[in-house]
Amino acid sequence: MSEPAEPSTFARLRASLDMSRPSALGALLVLMIGVPQFFINVLSIQSFTYNLRYHYVATVLAAMAIASIEILAVGVRRYRALPNLVLVATVVIGAFLAQQAWGISPLSDRYGRAYWPAESPRHEVMREAIDVVPANASVSATYNLVPHVTQREFVYEFPNPWRPWNWGVKDEQPHDGGTVDWLLIDKRVLGRNIDVFDALMDSGSFEVRFEDSNVVVAERVNDTVVTVPEDPPS
């Protein structure tokens, strides 16, 4: 017997909103916290940005949770104990059922299907590499490292800014590669962008300051203008 078809992502989002409506929609101002991220997610061409299993919906769900708390507080001030218990039970049961149906926590059947990275010796290498990069330096880092170095004015997902990659609107107005002083690279995830990394290193503009287990940190040593190869067709 085939498994029943799963609801679409938008159906899941609608169902989540329906579960929270009695409480969350009563605090519209608090819900506004999640509105910008909601539109960023649903207007993206990447389906995982509006899939409940990924962290991109965390801000939206957090806004809904805070709004639920706010409306419960209103209930506490206005009603007696029994209606308050009903409101609290509605929120708790709704959250439990939603987590069980679509979440990735141990409460859910989907827990085993989630991506839970196991501890690896490379993690310590990556931590050491991150520590090499000065706190305020401009940096271009591969996608698996860039979230850990975002507390600075200029930070790019490599191969940006030399080759537009997940950049802006239709790759418009890329920045000057001369703004980058450090490279933080996991060579295992470069894919076809290895040619950009090789061109930068071969130019003599950067010197390696750390290298271990295919993780490389390089510092800019001169202002040589580097012309990188055109992006080959995928």
Foldseek 3Di string as FASTA:
>chain_A
DDDDDDDDLVVLVVVLCVLLVVQQVVQVVLLVQCVVLVCVQVPDPDVVCSHPADCSCVRNVVSSVVSNVVRLVVCVVPHDDVVSVVSVVSVVVSVLVSCQDRNCPPNHPCVVVHDDDDDDPVVVVLVVLVVVDDLAAAEEEAPVNQVVRVNYDHYHHPPPPQADDPDDDVSPDTDAPLSHFKYWYQQVPCPQVVQVVVQCVVVVQWDWPDDDNSTTMIGGDDRDRTRTDDDDDD
